Amino acid sequence: MRFGVAAVAALFLLSGVRVEAQTTSLSPLPIQHFVDNNGNLCIGCKLFTYQAGTTTKQATYTDSTGGTPNTNPVVMNARGEANVWLDPTLSYKFVLSPSTDSDPPTDPIWTVDQISEAVASAQLTAALASPPPIGSTAPNTGAFTTLSATGAAALAGQITAGSALTWPSTLYNIGLVGALDVTDPRGVSAIVSSARSSDNTGLVSAHAITNVALVVHDKASFTGGVWDNYWQVVKASGADNASNVYGLEGSVLNLSSTVATADPYTDNPSGGIYGIRLDAGIGSCGHGSPELACGNDSTAAIQIVQNSIPASGNSTSFRSGIIIAGSALDTLAGRVAPGLAMPQNVAVDWYSAASNIAWQMWSSASGGNNTIELTNTSFNLSSNLGLAGALTTTSTSGPQISINTAVGFRQIGVFTSGLLRWQFGANAVAESGTNAGSNFEIDAYDDSGSFLSSPLKITRSTGDATFAAGIVASLPTSCSGKPSGAFWNNSGVVNLCP
């Protein structure tokens, strides 16, 4: 039995298989050593090497280069040793015979068939039995270039890269050496990661983060792009036209009892849950690392561009920029949901050319609850309308301008450099039935924009016009011979003679 075990051990050493269940390993014999049936040095013994399962001789080599074949048989030296290197792509049969045996051998010491790296690895695996799962009991470490799994694959513990990131010190790296290939039984190939806050007992126990990615552009001379994440989505010409393709999709579900509402001045309310959040800057200014110091403005939070030049007659553009689905926001019970919430002095700009803003819309209000409502037939304001340019309408049916409130003044003002000069429309006289109230008046204002007088008032119920001052009329030639203050009909035109 001693010689058989020695032979198998020699085969494992020849195969070059190593076990990495620990930080160091036992060195294989650099030179193969053989003994005879009595356990003595096999001086001058002959090692015949054949193709596996045959008596056809197959060469071994004197060193790892495979450049010089051994004699066949290989003759042991005075210490019973020989350099025997195998072709890793071939399988062998070894026959060890005494120095006096013939060729082919007739009195072998032992014969071992089907010798190869693959067989030796399989025998070694069987001898050691199946290793425990990674992350289970020791030995629970190993070096992998490719880890493949079909179906469910559970990885407990941590898979770490060969060298951990050291900048900044608050980031902890969990990476992969080589590729992690997971074949999902539903036909989806993916790498899936997850985080549960109840499992987090680390140094930053206040957070639970599924994936952390970091890109640092620190090369002085570099004209290429730098990406933290990049993906491409292609719908092939032969794909099912009815199927949808998504570049990035995320689902958000709030099962808690907290429904938090955010706004531009309360951007991180307690209990909030967000689909996407973009932070300007990293951490607090002066975090300790130079890369985390207070930085300058970034160009944009989101940019939508065309990434290719379309051929003639083709388009590679988006049909729409941002779409909010009809049921995506909470508009139940008449609630008006903010599809876009912006703070004071943040504008929506329309450009006519590069660096040329054609229109800009923003709010400078510091308070109030003003609204703009668009209906099927109207543009409704809950506050005053100020125009720096002309108001033009193409409607041919009136009224083209409507002021619709329940009570109070409903008037149009005319300004000079921001100071009111004239105001006309319905006054604030309450409507009490029988056509009373909401009378028409024209008001005049002085150079400082203060009220002067109401030169004209018209009572809605009677049509009576009241003038606050005299009526001045030029002298028409038809007044000749008529008393002062006379009214008379001149071809359908009422003249007043002064």
Protein backbone atom coordinates (compact mmCIF):
# COMPACT_ATOMS: atom_id res chain seq x y z
CA MET A 1 0.00 0.00 0.00
CA ARG A 2 2.90 2.32 0.65
CA PHE A 3 3.94 2.30 -2.99
CA GLY A 4 0.41 2.82 -4.33
CA VAL A 5 -0.15 5.86 -2.11
CA ALA A 6 3.22 7.22 -3.10
CA ALA A 7 2.33 6.82 -6.74
CA VAL A 8 -0.99 8.69 -6.37
CA ALA A 9 0.74 11.41 -4.42
CA ALA A 10 3.33 11.68 -7.18
CA LEU A 11 0.55 12.07 -9.75
CA PHE A 12 -0.99 14.97 -7.77
CA LEU A 13 2.39 16.64 -7.58
CA LEU A 14 2.91 16.14 -11.32
CA SER A 15 -0.51 17.73 -12.06
CA GLY A 16 0.42 21.10 -10.56
CA VAL A 17 -2.93 21.30 -8.69
CA ARG A 18 -2.82 23.54 -5.64
CA VAL A 19 -5.38 24.08 -2.89
CA GLU A 20 -5.91 27.65 -1.74
CA ALA A 21 -7.79 27.02 1.47
CA GLN A 22 -5.06 28.78 3.43
CA THR A 23 -2.52 31.57 2.99
CA THR A 24 0.42 29.19 2.31
CA SER A 25 0.71 25.78 0.64
CA LEU A 26 3.09 22.80 0.70
CA SER A 27 5.66 22.92 -2.07
CA PRO A 28 5.48 20.03 -4.58
CA LEU A 29 8.58 17.87 -5.11
CA PRO A 30 10.73 19.74 -7.60
CA ILE A 31 12.21 16.42 -8.80
CA GLN A 32 10.22 13.17 -8.92
CA HIS A 33 11.49 10.47 -6.53
CA PHE A 34 10.82 6.71 -7.00
CA VAL A 35 11.36 3.59 -4.83
CA ASP A 36 11.35 -0.13 -5.62
CA ASN A 37 9.19 -2.91 -4.15
CA ASN A 38 11.38 -2.97 -1.02
CA GLY A 39 11.16 0.78 -0.43
CA ASN A 40 14.74 1.32 -1.53
CA LEU A 41 15.95 3.98 -3.95
CA CYS A 42 14.94 2.90 -7.43
CA ILE A 43 18.45 3.46 -8.84
CA GLY A 44 18.52 2.92 -12.62
CA CYS A 45 14.80 2.06 -12.71
CA LYS A 46 12.93 2.70 -15.94
CA LEU A 47 9.78 4.84 -16.25
CA PHE A 48 7.92 4.00 -19.46
CA THR A 49 5.40 6.69 -20.55
CA TYR A 50 2.59 5.81 -22.99
CA GLN A 51 -0.56 7.30 -24.41
CA ALA A 52 -3.34 6.59 -21.93
CA GLY A 53 -4.88 3.15 -22.46
CA THR A 54 -2.29 2.07 -25.03
CA THR A 55 1.27 0.80 -25.43
CA THR A 56 2.17 3.68 -27.74
CA LYS A 57 4.99 5.68 -26.26
CA GLN A 58 4.29 9.36 -25.44
CA ALA A 59 7.01 11.85 -24.58
CA THR A 60 7.60 13.65 -21.30
CA TYR A 61 10.02 16.57 -20.94
CA THR A 62 13.13 17.51 -19.00
CA ASP A 63 11.87 20.96 -17.92
CA SER A 64 8.84 23.27 -17.94
CA THR A 65 9.59 24.65 -21.41
CA GLY A 66 8.78 21.33 -23.07
CA GLY A 67 11.67 21.88 -25.45
CA THR A 68 13.69 18.71 -24.68
CA PRO A 69 11.98 15.29 -24.46
CA ASN A 70 13.12 12.72 -21.95
CA THR A 71 14.36 9.33 -23.11
CA ASN A 72 11.58 6.78 -23.10
CA PRO A 73 11.96 4.97 -20.80
CA VAL A 74 13.15 7.65 -18.39
CA VAL A 75 16.12 6.22 -16.42
CA MET A 76 16.38 7.15 -12.70
CA ASN A 77 19.68 8.59 -11.43
CA ALA A 78 21.73 7.34 -8.48
CA ARG A 79 19.19 8.86 -6.06
CA GLY A 80 16.19 7.27 -7.79
CA GLU A 81 15.14 10.66 -9.24
CA ALA A 82 14.13 12.10 -12.59
CA ASN A 83 12.71 15.32 -14.08
CA VAL A 84 9.32 14.38 -15.54
CA TRP A 85 7.22 17.21 -17.04
CA LEU A 86 3.90 16.45 -18.76
CA ASP A 87 2.04 17.98 -21.69
CA PRO A 88 -1.07 19.37 -19.92
CA THR A 89 -3.25 18.66 -22.97
CA LEU A 90 -2.51 14.91 -23.00
CA SER A 91 -3.32 11.86 -20.87
CA TYR A 92 -0.61 9.32 -19.97
CA LYS A 93 -0.03 5.77 -18.75
CA PHE A 94 3.05 5.32 -16.51
CA VAL A 95 4.87 1.96 -16.05
CA LEU A 96 7.78 1.79 -13.53
CA SER A 97 10.12 -1.19 -13.98
CA PRO A 98 13.45 -2.33 -12.46
CA SER A 99 16.70 -1.49 -14.23
CA THR A 100 16.96 -5.07 -15.55
CA ASP A 101 13.55 -5.11 -17.24
CA SER A 102 13.12 -5.23 -21.00
CA ASP A 103 11.48 -2.80 -23.41
CA PRO A 104 8.55 -3.25 -23.46
CA PRO A 105 8.52 -4.08 -19.75
CA THR A 106 7.61 -7.57 -18.59
CA ASP A 107 8.18 -7.24 -14.81
CA PRO A 108 6.76 -3.79 -13.80
CA ILE A 109 6.84 -2.49 -10.22
CA TRP A 110 3.54 -0.67 -10.82
CA THR A 111 1.34 0.66 -13.65
CA VAL A 112 -0.95 3.74 -13.46
CA ASP A 113 -3.19 4.65 -16.41
CA GLN A 114 -5.16 7.81 -17.38
CA ILE A 115 -2.78 10.34 -15.82
CA SER A 116 -3.64 13.97 -16.61
CA GLU A 117 -4.23 17.30 -14.89
CA ALA A 118 -8.01 16.91 -15.17
CA VAL A 119 -8.04 13.45 -13.62
CA ALA A 120 -5.66 14.48 -10.86
CA SER A 121 -7.88 17.52 -10.05
CA ALA A 122 -11.01 15.37 -9.92
CA GLN A 123 -9.29 12.79 -7.72
CA LEU A 124 -8.04 15.49 -5.41
CA THR A 125 -11.53 17.05 -5.15
CA ALA A 126 -13.03 13.66 -4.34
CA ALA A 127 -10.31 12.98 -1.78
CA LEU A 128 -10.98 16.26 0.01
CA ALA A 129 -14.80 15.98 -0.43
CA SER A 130 -16.97 18.92 -1.46
CA PRO A 131 -15.86 22.24 0.08
CA PRO A 132 -18.38 24.07 2.29
CA PRO A 133 -20.32 27.05 0.91
CA ILE A 134 -18.48 30.36 0.77
CA GLY A 135 -19.22 32.24 3.96
CA SER A 136 -20.05 29.08 5.92
CA THR A 137 -17.68 27.19 8.24
CA ALA A 138 -13.94 27.12 7.60
CA PRO A 139 -12.35 26.70 5.15
CA ASN A 140 -14.49 29.49 3.68
CA THR A 141 -12.12 31.44 1.45
CA GLY A 142 -10.93 30.95 -2.07
CA ALA A 143 -9.59 32.66 -5.17
CA PHE A 144 -11.89 32.71 -8.20
CA THR A 145 -11.57 34.08 -11.71
CA THR A 146 -15.10 33.03 -12.71
CA LEU A 147 -17.92 32.00 -10.39
CA SER A 148 -20.88 30.48 -12.25
CA ALA A 149 -24.24 29.43 -10.88
CA THR A 150 -27.45 28.22 -12.50
CA GLY A 151 -30.65 28.93 -10.61
CA ALA A 152 -30.53 30.36 -7.11
CA ALA A 153 -27.06 31.23 -5.81
CA ALA A 154 -26.67 32.40 -2.21
CA LEU A 155 -23.48 34.20 -1.28
CA ALA A 156 -23.07 34.82 2.44
CA GLY A 157 -20.47 37.23 3.70
CA GLN A 158 -18.34 39.50 1.53
CA ILE A 159 -16.72 39.13 -1.88
CA THR A 160 -13.73 41.46 -1.95
CA ALA A 161 -11.45 42.68 -4.69
CA GLY A 162 -7.71 42.03 -4.67
CA SER A 163 -7.02 45.54 -3.35
CA ALA A 164 -9.48 47.72 -1.48
CA LEU A 165 -10.09 51.39 -2.21
CA THR A 166 -8.46 53.60 0.38
CA TRP A 167 -9.80 57.00 -0.75
CA PRO A 168 -11.82 58.42 0.80
CA SER A 169 -11.56 56.62 4.11
CA THR A 170 -15.34 56.56 4.57
CA LEU A 171 -15.89 54.34 1.50
CA TYR A 172 -15.73 50.59 1.91
CA ASN A 173 -15.22 48.51 -1.20
CA ILE A 174 -17.09 45.33 -2.06
CA GLY A 175 -15.93 44.23 -5.50
CA LEU A 176 -15.52 41.19 -7.71
CA VAL A 177 -12.42 39.53 -9.09
CA GLY A 178 -13.25 38.52 -12.65
CA ALA A 179 -16.90 37.98 -13.57
CA LEU A 180 -19.94 36.92 -11.56
CA ASP A 181 -22.22 35.10 -13.96
CA VAL A 182 -25.72 34.37 -12.68
CA THR A 183 -28.19 32.68 -15.03
CA ASP A 184 -31.73 33.37 -13.89
CA PRO A 185 -34.22 30.54 -14.62
CA ARG A 186 -36.62 33.12 -16.10
CA GLY A 187 -34.13 33.83 -18.88
CA VAL A 188 -32.57 36.94 -17.39
CA SER A 189 -28.81 37.21 -16.92
CA ALA A 190 -28.11 39.70 -14.18
CA ILE A 191 -26.11 40.68 -11.16
CA VAL A 192 -28.52 41.40 -8.32
CA SER A 193 -27.55 43.19 -5.12
CA SER A 194 -29.64 44.21 -2.15
CA ALA A 195 -29.41 45.95 1.20
CA ARG A 196 -31.59 45.65 4.29
CA SER A 197 -31.15 48.27 7.00
CA SER A 198 -31.69 45.68 9.76
CA ASP A 199 -28.56 43.86 8.54
CA ASN A 200 -26.36 46.95 8.81
CA THR A 201 -24.10 46.89 11.85
CA GLY A 202 -21.12 48.55 10.18
CA LEU A 203 -19.23 51.71 10.94
CA VAL A 204 -21.89 53.92 9.30
CA SER A 205 -24.87 52.22 10.90
CA ALA A 206 -27.18 55.13 10.05
CA HIS A 207 -27.21 54.15 6.37
CA ALA A 208 -28.01 51.13 4.23
CA ILE A 209 -26.64 51.37 0.67
CA THR A 210 -27.08 48.69 -1.98
CA ASN A 211 -24.52 49.89 -4.52
CA VAL A 212 -21.75 52.46 -4.23
CA ALA A 213 -19.90 53.67 -7.31
CA LEU A 214 -17.12 56.23 -7.38
CA VAL A 215 -15.38 57.93 -10.27
CA VAL A 216 -12.61 60.49 -9.76
CA HIS A 217 -11.21 62.52 -12.66
CA ASP A 218 -7.71 63.41 -11.50
CA LYS A 219 -5.60 63.25 -14.66
CA ALA A 220 -4.09 66.58 -15.70
CA SER A 221 -3.95 65.88 -19.45
CA PHE A 222 -7.06 63.95 -20.48
CA THR A 223 -9.51 64.83 -23.24
CA GLY A 224 -11.81 61.80 -23.02
CA GLY A 225 -15.05 61.44 -21.11
CA VAL A 226 -15.32 60.13 -17.56
CA TRP A 227 -18.41 58.11 -16.61
CA ASP A 228 -19.56 56.75 -13.28
CA ASN A 229 -22.20 54.55 -14.95
CA TYR A 230 -23.01 54.04 -18.61
CA TRP A 231 -25.50 51.82 -20.39
CA GLN A 232 -26.80 51.38 -23.92
CA VAL A 233 -30.24 50.12 -24.89
CA VAL A 234 -30.91 48.88 -28.41
CA LYS A 235 -34.14 47.53 -29.87
CA ALA A 236 -33.03 45.40 -32.80
CA SER A 237 -34.73 45.65 -36.19
CA GLY A 238 -36.12 42.13 -35.88
CA ALA A 239 -37.43 42.52 -32.33
CA ASP A 240 -41.08 42.19 -31.39
CA ASN A 241 -42.57 45.61 -32.15
CA ALA A 242 -45.10 45.32 -29.32
CA SER A 243 -42.46 44.82 -26.61
CA ASN A 244 -41.13 47.69 -24.53
CA VAL A 245 -37.45 48.44 -23.86
CA TYR A 246 -36.30 50.47 -20.85
CA GLY A 247 -32.91 52.04 -20.27
CA LEU A 248 -33.44 52.37 -16.53
CA GLU A 249 -36.48 51.55 -14.41
CA GLY A 250 -36.96 51.66 -10.67
CA SER A 251 -40.01 50.91 -8.54
CA VAL A 252 -40.80 52.74 -5.31
CA LEU A 253 -43.26 51.37 -2.74
CA ASN A 254 -44.13 53.01 0.59
CA LEU A 255 -45.60 50.49 3.03
CA SER A 256 -45.13 52.72 6.07
CA SER A 257 -47.80 54.86 7.69
CA THR A 258 -45.85 58.05 6.90
CA VAL A 259 -46.72 60.07 3.80
CA ALA A 260 -44.21 62.92 3.67
CA THR A 261 -44.57 65.95 1.39
CA ALA A 262 -41.47 67.79 0.21
CA ASP A 263 -41.07 71.24 -1.33
CA PRO A 264 -38.11 73.38 -2.45
CA TYR A 265 -37.60 74.67 1.11
CA THR A 266 -38.30 71.37 2.88
CA ASP A 267 -36.33 69.09 0.58
CA ASN A 268 -35.68 66.26 3.04
CA PRO A 269 -38.72 65.85 5.30
CA SER A 270 -38.80 63.16 7.93
CA GLY A 271 -40.08 59.88 6.51
CA GLY A 272 -39.55 60.82 2.85
CA ILE A 273 -39.12 58.22 0.09
CA TYR A 274 -37.78 59.22 -3.33
CA GLY A 275 -37.40 57.55 -6.70
CA ILE A 276 -34.31 59.53 -7.77
CA ARG A 277 -32.31 62.09 -5.84
CA LEU A 278 -29.36 64.08 -7.20
CA ASP A 279 -27.05 65.79 -4.71
CA ALA A 280 -24.89 68.76 -5.65
CA GLY A 281 -21.56 68.12 -3.97
CA ILE A 282 -20.29 65.17 -1.90
CA GLY A 283 -20.78 65.29 1.83
CA SER A 284 -19.99 68.40 3.82
CA CYS A 285 -17.49 71.05 2.79
CA GLY A 286 -14.12 70.48 4.38
CA HIS A 287 -14.75 66.76 4.94
CA GLY A 288 -11.02 66.15 5.34
CA SER A 289 -10.03 64.95 1.88
CA PRO A 290 -9.14 67.52 -0.79
CA GLU A 291 -11.59 65.95 -3.24
CA LEU A 292 -14.44 66.56 -0.75
CA ALA A 293 -13.70 70.23 -0.18
CA CYS A 294 -16.21 72.91 -1.17
CA GLY A 295 -16.40 72.80 -4.96
CA ASN A 296 -17.72 74.96 -7.77
CA ASP A 297 -21.07 74.79 -9.56
CA SER A 298 -21.76 71.74 -11.70
CA THR A 299 -23.15 72.29 -15.20
CA ALA A 300 -26.53 70.58 -14.94
CA ALA A 301 -28.37 67.98 -12.87
CA ILE A 302 -30.00 66.30 -15.90
CA GLN A 303 -29.20 66.73 -19.59
CA ILE A 304 -31.12 65.25 -22.52
CA VAL A 305 -29.08 65.20 -25.76
CA GLN A 306 -28.93 63.53 -29.15
CA ASN A 307 -25.98 61.12 -29.21
CA SER A 308 -25.75 60.48 -32.95
CA ILE A 309 -26.14 62.28 -36.26
CA PRO A 310 -29.26 60.98 -38.03
CA ALA A 311 -29.07 59.91 -41.64
CA SER A 312 -31.15 61.71 -44.24
CA GLY A 313 -34.84 61.11 -43.58
CA ASN A 314 -34.21 59.34 -40.25
CA SER A 315 -34.49 60.57 -36.68
CA THR A 316 -32.67 59.41 -33.56
CA SER A 317 -34.33 61.94 -31.26
CA PHE A 318 -36.73 61.46 -28.37
CA ARG A 319 -40.41 62.05 -29.10
CA SER A 320 -40.83 63.63 -25.65
CA GLY A 321 -38.54 64.89 -22.92
CA ILE A 322 -40.26 64.17 -19.60
CA ILE A 323 -43.70 62.58 -19.34
CA ILE A 324 -45.75 62.37 -16.13
CA ALA A 325 -48.40 59.68 -16.46
CA GLY A 326 -51.97 60.59 -15.65
CA SER A 327 -52.15 58.41 -12.55
CA ALA A 328 -48.54 58.88 -11.37
CA LEU A 329 -49.25 61.83 -9.07
CA ASP A 330 -51.87 62.07 -6.33
CA THR A 331 -54.72 64.18 -7.75
CA LEU A 332 -57.52 62.43 -5.85
CA ALA A 333 -60.29 64.48 -4.25
CA GLY A 334 -59.43 67.49 -6.41
CA ARG A 335 -55.85 67.79 -5.13
CA VAL A 336 -53.53 69.74 -7.43
CA ALA A 337 -50.20 67.84 -7.43
CA PRO A 338 -46.95 69.74 -8.09
CA GLY A 339 -45.45 68.11 -11.17
CA LEU A 340 -42.52 70.56 -10.92
CA ALA A 341 -41.80 72.39 -7.65
CA MET A 342 -39.31 75.26 -7.82
CA PRO A 343 -38.15 77.93 -5.36
CA GLN A 344 -38.21 81.70 -5.82
CA ASN A 345 -36.21 83.13 -8.76
CA VAL A 346 -35.72 79.75 -10.45
CA ALA A 347 -36.85 80.10 -14.07
CA VAL A 348 -38.05 78.10 -17.03
CA ASP A 349 -36.09 79.32 -20.06
CA TRP A 350 -36.82 79.08 -23.78
CA TYR A 351 -33.85 79.67 -26.11
CA SER A 352 -33.90 80.83 -29.73
CA ALA A 353 -30.15 80.21 -30.25
CA ALA A 354 -27.04 79.41 -28.24
CA SER A 355 -26.78 81.73 -25.20
CA ASN A 356 -29.89 83.61 -26.37
CA ILE A 357 -32.90 83.38 -24.05
CA ALA A 358 -36.06 84.20 -25.98
CA TRP A 359 -38.52 83.72 -23.09
CA GLN A 360 -38.02 83.30 -19.37
CA MET A 361 -40.67 82.56 -16.75
CA TRP A 362 -40.12 82.64 -13.00
CA SER A 363 -41.65 83.76 -9.73
CA SER A 364 -40.19 86.55 -7.60
CA ALA A 365 -43.04 86.42 -5.09
CA SER A 366 -42.06 86.10 -1.42
CA GLY A 367 -45.53 85.04 -0.29
CA GLY A 368 -49.12 84.55 -1.29
CA ASN A 369 -50.98 81.67 -2.85
CA ASN A 370 -51.36 82.81 -6.44
CA THR A 371 -52.46 80.45 -9.19
CA ILE A 372 -52.73 80.18 -12.97
CA GLU A 373 -55.45 77.87 -14.23
CA LEU A 374 -55.85 76.77 -17.85
CA THR A 375 -59.31 75.54 -18.79
CA ASN A 376 -60.85 74.57 -22.12
CA THR A 377 -61.73 78.18 -22.85
CA SER A 378 -59.78 80.43 -20.52
CA PHE A 379 -56.50 81.42 -18.88
CA ASN A 380 -57.40 82.20 -15.26
CA LEU A 381 -55.28 84.20 -12.81
CA SER A 382 -55.81 84.47 -9.06
CA SER A 383 -53.73 87.69 -8.95
CA ASN A 384 -52.94 90.71 -11.11
CA LEU A 385 -51.61 90.34 -14.66
CA GLY A 386 -48.68 92.62 -15.50
CA LEU A 387 -47.47 92.91 -19.09
CA ALA A 388 -44.09 94.24 -20.23
CA GLY A 389 -45.15 93.75 -23.86
CA ALA A 390 -48.31 93.59 -25.94
CA LEU A 391 -51.21 91.24 -25.21
CA THR A 392 -52.52 89.87 -28.48
CA THR A 393 -55.43 87.54 -29.10
CA THR A 394 -56.60 85.92 -32.34
CA SER A 395 -60.05 85.09 -30.98
CA THR A 396 -62.94 86.55 -32.99
CA SER A 397 -65.59 86.02 -30.32
CA GLY A 398 -65.67 87.92 -27.09
CA PRO A 399 -64.77 88.56 -24.50
CA GLN A 400 -61.12 88.18 -25.43
CA ILE A 401 -59.99 89.24 -21.92
CA SER A 402 -61.96 88.06 -18.88
CA ILE A 403 -61.63 89.12 -15.24
CA ASN A 404 -63.61 86.71 -13.11
CA THR A 405 -63.83 87.16 -9.34
CA ALA A 406 -66.74 87.00 -6.93
CA VAL A 407 -66.32 90.45 -5.31
CA GLY A 408 -64.04 93.50 -5.37
CA PHE A 409 -62.55 95.56 -8.14
CA ARG A 410 -62.22 93.87 -11.54
CA GLN A 411 -60.22 96.38 -13.50
CA ILE A 412 -57.44 96.83 -16.05
CA GLY A 413 -54.59 99.20 -15.20
CA VAL A 414 -52.38 101.34 -17.43
CA PHE A 415 -48.90 102.08 -16.02
CA THR A 416 -45.96 104.35 -16.77
CA SER A 417 -42.62 102.99 -15.54
CA GLY A 418 -44.42 100.90 -12.96
CA LEU A 419 -46.67 103.74 -11.71
CA LEU A 420 -50.45 103.50 -12.21
CA ARG A 421 -51.97 106.16 -14.48
CA TRP A 422 -55.45 104.88 -15.43
CA GLN A 423 -57.67 102.07 -14.20
CA PHE A 424 -60.98 101.01 -15.66
CA GLY A 425 -63.49 98.25 -15.15
CA ALA A 426 -66.06 97.15 -12.59
CA ASN A 427 -65.91 98.81 -9.18
CA ALA A 428 -66.36 97.14 -5.80
CA VAL A 429 -70.05 98.05 -5.29
CA ALA A 430 -71.70 94.82 -4.16
CA GLU A 431 -74.33 93.17 -6.31
CA SER A 432 -77.66 93.06 -4.45
CA GLY A 433 -80.02 91.85 -7.16
CA THR A 434 -82.10 93.72 -9.78
CA ASN A 435 -78.89 94.45 -11.74
CA ALA A 436 -77.43 96.61 -8.98
CA GLY A 437 -73.67 96.75 -8.22
CA SER A 438 -70.50 96.10 -10.20
CA ASN A 439 -70.77 99.47 -11.88
CA PHE A 440 -68.28 100.63 -14.50
CA GLU A 441 -65.84 103.43 -13.75
CA ILE A 442 -62.67 105.01 -15.09
CA ASP A 443 -60.17 106.18 -12.44
CA ALA A 444 -57.28 108.62 -12.88
CA TYR A 445 -53.99 108.55 -10.91
CA ASP A 446 -51.31 111.21 -10.35
CA ASP A 447 -47.58 111.08 -11.19
CA SER A 448 -46.84 109.16 -8.01
CA GLY A 449 -49.47 106.51 -8.82
CA SER A 450 -51.96 107.79 -6.22
CA PHE A 451 -55.70 108.06 -6.88
CA LEU A 452 -56.89 111.41 -8.33
CA SER A 453 -60.52 111.02 -9.32
CA SER A 454 -63.14 108.96 -11.14
CA PRO A 455 -63.88 111.06 -14.24
CA LEU A 456 -66.61 108.66 -15.45
CA LYS A 457 -69.00 106.25 -13.72
CA ILE A 458 -71.78 104.27 -15.40
CA THR A 459 -74.49 102.61 -13.35
CA ARG A 460 -75.01 99.07 -14.61
CA SER A 461 -78.72 98.88 -13.81
CA THR A 462 -79.76 102.17 -15.48
CA GLY A 463 -76.96 103.03 -17.86
CA ASP A 464 -76.75 106.52 -16.38
CA ALA A 465 -73.32 108.13 -16.90
CA THR A 466 -71.89 110.47 -14.29
CA PHE A 467 -69.02 112.83 -15.15
CA ALA A 468 -66.92 114.20 -12.29
CA ALA A 469 -66.05 117.33 -14.33
CA GLY A 470 -67.42 119.27 -17.29
CA ILE A 471 -67.66 117.93 -20.81
CA VAL A 472 -65.43 119.89 -23.18
CA ALA A 473 -66.42 119.97 -26.85
CA SER A 474 -64.91 121.74 -29.81
CA LEU A 475 -67.16 124.21 -31.71
CA PRO A 476 -68.61 122.48 -34.76
CA THR A 477 -69.70 124.75 -37.59
CA SER A 478 -73.22 123.32 -37.24
CA CYS A 479 -73.59 125.09 -33.82
CA SER A 480 -73.80 128.44 -35.53
CA GLY A 481 -76.97 130.20 -34.34
CA LYS A 482 -77.70 127.61 -31.63
CA PRO A 483 -77.68 128.39 -27.92
CA SER A 484 -74.81 127.15 -25.62
CA GLY A 485 -75.44 123.68 -24.14
CA ALA A 486 -77.79 122.69 -26.94
CA PHE A 487 -77.84 119.05 -28.10
CA TRP A 488 -78.93 118.36 -31.61
CA ASN A 489 -78.76 115.57 -34.13
CA ASN A 490 -76.33 116.17 -36.95
CA SER A 491 -76.79 113.35 -39.48
CA GLY A 492 -76.93 110.71 -36.73
CA VAL A 493 -74.16 112.33 -34.62
CA VAL A 494 -75.17 114.06 -31.37
CA ASN A 495 -73.45 117.43 -31.07
CA LEU A 496 -73.11 119.51 -27.92
CA CYS A 497 -72.67 123.19 -28.49
CA PRO A 498 -70.42 124.99 -26.02
